[in-house]
């Protein structure tokens, strides 16, 4: 794995914002809208997180899996790559890449458990081991076998230490987790995402770090733009009393049924 972000395949594959949130042609033909495309990606990010809680993997594995999922859909359609199979497959692949391997049979067991009680129309999404193994090869091809992902967590801790505000670690860390419900990791260097989360945390906790930010010699316009995108995301999504994202099940099912429907 590359030790330096700037020489890594991750850096070389950073995308322009207008190349990320794009509905593929096959999905458009099925009637999938941009809003539905975004909802499916958010929903599947949450499904990866829920499945990861069952199999007990590190946060880094979840983050890598979510990055893979989002990167796949910058290149491939949801019609060709069923999101309900791609999500657990990305978790399976990420667990191996991050040296925290989860057996495919365990994922299959918990997928079936998670979907227990679901409507009979969802039967075809209760996958077997061979389905995950077959999709793993398709995901690898979609990723061009570039599997290195640098995350904001390490620079976040280093920056908080440097700024002398380690008391904001929990808030800033939670914000970083939330960025994986967006496409930021495909667009911006990890340290810039970390800085944006620190910037928001400082605003929330009324801490003035203006001088510290100035001394960093980074483009504060980019940091503020990332911060605004994070805040706009929270305005876009409905949250429950615990801060969890609420997505109406009927809207998700309707969107998924579009890409699952036979032409």
Protein backbone atom coordinates (compact mmCIF):
# COMPACT_ATOMS: atom_id res chain seq x y z
CA UNK A 1 0.00 0.00 0.00
CA UNK A 2 1.28 3.48 -0.82
CA UNK A 3 2.58 5.22 2.28
CA UNK A 4 2.01 8.71 0.89
CA UNK A 5 -1.39 9.97 -0.27
CA UNK A 6 0.15 12.21 -2.94
CA UNK A 7 1.81 9.26 -4.68
CA UNK A 8 -1.14 6.89 -4.25
CA UNK A 9 -3.74 5.64 -6.72
CA UNK A 10 -6.35 7.31 -4.50
CA UNK A 11 -4.90 10.75 -5.23
CA UNK A 12 -4.60 10.00 -8.95
CA UNK A 13 -8.26 8.97 -9.07
CA UNK A 14 -9.75 12.02 -7.37
CA UNK A 15 -12.66 13.26 -9.47
CA UNK A 16 -14.19 16.59 -10.38
CA UNK A 17 -17.53 17.12 -8.58
CA UNK A 18 -19.45 17.07 -11.86
CA UNK A 19 -18.11 13.57 -12.61
CA UNK A 20 -19.36 12.02 -9.37
CA UNK A 21 -23.10 12.47 -8.87
CA UNK A 22 -24.15 11.34 -12.34
CA UNK A 23 -26.93 8.87 -13.18
CA UNK A 24 -25.66 6.31 -15.69
CA UNK A 25 -27.47 5.92 -19.04
CA UNK A 26 -29.00 2.50 -18.27
CA UNK A 27 -30.41 3.82 -15.00
CA UNK A 28 -31.85 6.89 -16.72
CA UNK A 29 -33.60 4.59 -19.17
CA UNK A 30 -35.22 2.86 -16.19
CA UNK A 31 -36.51 6.24 -14.99
CA UNK A 32 -34.12 6.64 -12.07
CA UNK A 33 -33.84 10.30 -11.05
CA UNK A 34 -30.78 12.03 -9.58
CA UNK A 35 -32.54 12.33 -6.22
CA UNK A 36 -33.35 8.60 -6.20
CA UNK A 37 -29.74 7.83 -7.18
CA UNK A 38 -28.52 9.85 -4.19
CA UNK A 39 -31.03 8.21 -1.85
CA UNK A 40 -29.94 4.73 -2.88
CA UNK A 41 -26.28 5.58 -2.23
CA UNK A 42 -27.12 7.00 1.21
CA UNK A 43 -29.31 4.00 2.01
CA UNK A 44 -26.65 1.51 0.95
CA UNK A 45 -24.01 3.36 2.97
CA UNK A 46 -26.27 2.88 6.00
CA UNK A 47 -26.76 -0.80 5.11
CA UNK A 48 -22.98 -1.31 5.04
CA UNK A 49 -22.77 0.29 8.48
CA UNK A 50 -25.57 -1.90 9.90
CA UNK A 51 -24.07 -5.07 8.45
CA UNK A 52 -20.65 -4.08 9.78
CA UNK A 53 -22.06 -3.79 13.30
CA UNK A 54 -23.17 -7.41 13.09
CA UNK A 55 -19.82 -8.74 11.87
CA UNK A 56 -17.85 -6.41 14.16
CA UNK A 57 -15.28 -4.75 11.93
CA UNK A 58 -13.30 -1.55 12.46
CA UNK A 59 -14.57 1.85 11.31
CA UNK A 60 -11.83 1.95 8.69
CA UNK A 61 -13.29 -1.15 7.00
CA UNK A 62 -16.72 0.51 6.85
CA UNK A 63 -15.20 3.67 5.39
CA UNK A 64 -13.24 1.73 2.75
CA UNK A 65 -16.31 -0.33 1.80
CA UNK A 66 -18.42 2.80 1.41
CA UNK A 67 -15.73 4.42 -0.73
CA UNK A 68 -15.70 1.37 -3.00
CA UNK A 69 -19.49 1.47 -3.30
CA UNK A 70 -19.52 5.13 -4.28
CA UNK A 71 -16.58 4.73 -6.66
CA UNK A 72 -18.29 1.83 -8.45
CA UNK A 73 -21.31 4.00 -9.27
CA UNK A 74 -19.19 6.71 -10.85
CA UNK A 75 -18.42 4.09 -13.51
CA UNK A 76 -21.19 1.51 -13.55
CA UNK A 77 -24.98 1.56 -13.51
CA UNK A 78 -27.15 0.29 -10.68
CA UNK A 79 -29.04 -1.70 -13.31
CA UNK A 80 -25.89 -3.75 -14.02
CA UNK A 81 -24.55 -3.68 -10.45
CA UNK A 82 -27.42 -4.34 -8.03
CA UNK A 83 -26.82 -2.04 -5.01
CA UNK A 84 -28.25 -4.61 -2.58
CA UNK A 85 -25.51 -7.04 -3.60
CA UNK A 86 -22.75 -4.50 -4.24
CA UNK A 87 -22.99 -3.10 -0.68
CA UNK A 88 -22.20 -6.35 1.20
CA UNK A 89 -19.66 -7.31 -1.47
CA UNK A 90 -17.80 -4.03 -0.92
CA UNK A 91 -17.75 -4.75 2.81
CA UNK A 92 -16.38 -8.23 2.12
CA UNK A 93 -13.67 -6.84 -0.18
CA UNK A 94 -12.78 -3.99 2.19
CA UNK A 95 -12.43 -6.40 5.12
CA UNK A 96 -9.75 -8.28 3.18
CA UNK A 97 -7.95 -5.17 1.98
CA UNK A 98 -7.90 -3.71 5.51
CA UNK A 99 -6.70 -7.05 6.96
CA UNK A 100 -9.83 -7.60 9.00
CA UNK A 101 -11.29 -10.41 6.91
CA UNK A 102 -14.93 -11.39 7.32
CA UNK A 103 -16.04 -14.71 5.86
CA UNK A 104 -18.61 -14.47 3.08
CA UNK A 105 -20.84 -17.04 4.79
CA UNK A 106 -21.06 -14.79 7.86
CA UNK A 107 -22.14 -11.85 5.71
CA UNK A 108 -24.77 -14.00 4.02
CA UNK A 109 -26.08 -15.14 7.41
CA UNK A 110 -26.52 -11.57 8.66
CA UNK A 111 -27.96 -10.29 5.37
CA UNK A 112 -30.70 -12.91 5.67
CA UNK A 113 -31.20 -11.97 9.32
CA UNK A 114 -31.46 -8.26 8.43
CA UNK A 115 -34.04 -8.98 5.74
CA UNK A 116 -36.04 -11.39 7.88
CA UNK A 117 -39.68 -10.37 7.73
CA UNK A 118 -39.22 -8.41 4.51
CA UNK A 119 -41.83 -8.73 1.80
CA UNK A 120 -41.69 -11.70 -0.55
CA UNK A 121 -40.69 -9.32 -3.37
CA UNK A 122 -37.32 -8.96 -1.65
CA UNK A 123 -36.61 -12.72 -1.68
CA UNK A 124 -34.23 -12.38 -4.63
CA UNK A 125 -32.03 -10.06 -2.55
CA UNK A 126 -31.29 -12.70 0.08
CA UNK A 127 -27.99 -13.71 -1.40
CA UNK A 128 -25.82 -16.80 -1.25
CA UNK A 129 -22.04 -17.02 -0.91
CA UNK A 130 -21.51 -17.55 -4.64
CA UNK A 131 -23.37 -14.30 -5.37
CA UNK A 132 -20.95 -12.28 -3.25
CA UNK A 133 -17.91 -14.03 -4.70
CA UNK A 134 -19.11 -13.43 -8.25
CA UNK A 135 -19.92 -9.78 -7.56
CA UNK A 136 -16.50 -9.36 -5.92
CA UNK A 137 -14.85 -9.95 -9.30
CA UNK A 138 -17.17 -7.45 -10.98
CA UNK A 139 -16.48 -4.84 -8.28
CA UNK A 140 -12.72 -5.37 -8.64
CA UNK A 141 -13.01 -4.81 -12.38
CA UNK A 142 -15.17 -1.71 -11.86
CA UNK A 143 -12.50 -0.33 -9.51
CA UNK A 144 -9.74 -1.19 -12.01
CA UNK A 145 -8.21 -3.13 -9.10
CA UNK A 146 -7.24 0.14 -7.38
CA UNK A 147 -8.04 -0.64 -3.75
CA UNK A 148 -5.93 1.86 -1.78
CA UNK A 149 -8.05 4.34 0.18
CA UNK A 150 -6.71 7.06 2.47
CA UNK A 151 -9.18 8.26 5.09
CA UNK A 152 -9.51 11.51 7.09
CA UNK A 153 -9.28 9.78 10.50
CA UNK A 154 -5.49 9.84 10.93
CA UNK A 155 -4.98 13.47 9.78
CA UNK A 156 -7.99 14.44 11.92
CA UNK A 157 -6.33 13.18 15.10
CA UNK A 158 -2.99 14.76 14.15
CA UNK A 159 -4.63 18.13 13.39
CA UNK A 160 -6.70 18.13 16.58
CA UNK A 161 -3.53 17.42 18.56
CA UNK A 162 -1.65 20.19 16.77
CA UNK A 163 -4.47 22.68 17.42
CA UNK A 164 -4.70 21.67 21.08
CA UNK A 165 -8.41 20.86 20.84
CA UNK A 166 -8.50 17.12 21.45
CA UNK A 167 -11.69 17.75 23.46
CA UNK A 168 -13.44 18.10 20.09
CA UNK A 169 -12.36 14.64 18.94
CA UNK A 170 -15.75 12.98 19.41
CA UNK A 171 -17.67 15.68 17.56
CA UNK A 172 -15.18 15.92 14.69
CA UNK A 173 -14.85 12.13 14.40
CA UNK A 174 -18.63 11.81 14.14
CA UNK A 175 -18.66 14.41 11.38
CA UNK A 176 -16.00 12.47 9.46
CA UNK A 177 -18.17 9.35 9.74
CA UNK A 178 -21.07 11.31 8.26
CA UNK A 179 -19.01 12.43 5.26
CA UNK A 180 -19.16 8.86 3.94
CA UNK A 181 -22.86 9.39 3.30
CA UNK A 182 -21.67 11.84 0.65
CA UNK A 183 -19.14 11.61 -2.19
CA UNK A 184 -16.51 13.87 -0.59
CA UNK A 185 -13.90 11.09 -0.31
CA UNK A 186 -13.96 10.74 -4.11
CA UNK A 187 -13.32 14.45 -4.66
CA UNK A 188 -11.12 15.89 -1.89
CA UNK A 189 -7.85 14.90 -0.17
CA UNK A 190 -8.54 13.33 3.26
CA UNK A 191 -6.80 16.10 5.23
CA UNK A 192 -9.09 18.72 3.66
CA UNK A 193 -12.16 16.73 4.73
CA UNK A 194 -10.66 16.46 8.23
CA UNK A 195 -10.10 20.23 8.33
CA UNK A 196 -13.70 20.89 7.25
CA UNK A 197 -14.96 18.66 10.07
CA UNK A 198 -12.75 20.48 12.57
CA UNK A 199 -14.01 23.81 11.21
CA UNK A 200 -17.65 22.76 11.77
CA UNK A 201 -16.83 21.34 15.22
CA UNK A 202 -15.25 24.67 16.21
CA UNK A 203 -18.36 26.56 15.09
CA UNK A 204 -20.64 24.16 16.98
CA UNK A 205 -18.55 24.39 20.16
CA UNK A 206 -17.82 28.13 19.81
CA UNK A 207 -14.03 27.81 19.57
CA UNK A 208 -12.06 30.43 17.63
CA UNK A 209 -9.19 28.85 15.68
CA UNK A 210 -8.86 31.53 13.02
CA UNK A 211 -5.13 32.05 13.64
CA UNK A 212 -4.42 28.31 13.61
CA UNK A 213 -6.23 27.84 10.29
CA UNK A 214 -4.33 30.78 8.78
CA UNK A 215 -1.00 29.27 9.82
CA UNK A 216 -1.82 26.00 8.04
CA UNK A 217 -1.56 27.72 4.64
CA UNK A 218 -4.40 25.75 3.13
CA UNK A 219 -7.09 27.11 0.83
CA UNK A 220 -9.78 28.08 3.33
CA UNK A 221 -12.28 28.57 0.54
CA UNK A 222 -12.09 24.84 -0.17
CA UNK A 223 -12.38 24.01 3.54
CA UNK A 224 -15.44 26.24 3.87
CA UNK A 225 -17.01 24.81 0.70
CA UNK A 226 -16.62 21.27 2.03
CA UNK A 227 -18.09 22.44 5.35
CA UNK A 228 -21.08 23.93 3.56
CA UNK A 229 -21.64 20.71 1.63
CA UNK A 230 -21.67 18.74 4.89
CA UNK A 231 -24.13 21.16 6.50
CA UNK A 232 -26.35 21.17 3.41
CA UNK A 233 -26.42 17.38 3.56
CA UNK A 234 -27.88 17.53 7.07
CA UNK A 235 -30.51 19.98 5.86
CA UNK A 236 -31.35 17.64 2.98
CA UNK A 237 -31.78 14.55 5.19
CA UNK A 238 -34.39 14.01 7.85
CA UNK A 239 -32.95 12.92 11.20
CA UNK A 240 -34.54 11.09 14.13
CA UNK A 241 -34.15 12.07 17.78
CA UNK A 242 -30.78 10.26 17.94
CA UNK A 243 -29.42 11.99 14.83
CA UNK A 244 -29.87 8.97 12.56
CA UNK A 245 -30.89 9.54 8.95
CA UNK A 246 -34.49 8.73 8.11
CA UNK A 247 -35.27 7.59 4.57
CA UNK A 248 -38.86 6.52 3.90
CA UNK A 249 -38.82 2.81 3.05
CA UNK A 250 -41.38 3.20 0.28
CA UNK A 251 -39.17 5.74 -1.53
CA UNK A 252 -36.12 3.47 -1.34
CA UNK A 253 -38.07 0.41 -2.47
CA UNK A 254 -39.58 2.35 -5.38
CA UNK A 255 -36.13 3.53 -6.50
CA UNK A 256 -34.55 0.09 -6.14
CA UNK A 257 -37.41 -1.54 -8.00
CA UNK A 258 -36.73 0.73 -10.96
CA UNK A 259 -33.19 -0.51 -11.44
CA UNK A 260 -34.16 -4.10 -10.60
CA UNK A 261 -37.00 -4.21 -13.13
CA UNK A 262 -36.41 -6.14 -16.33
CA UNK A 263 -36.43 -3.99 -19.50
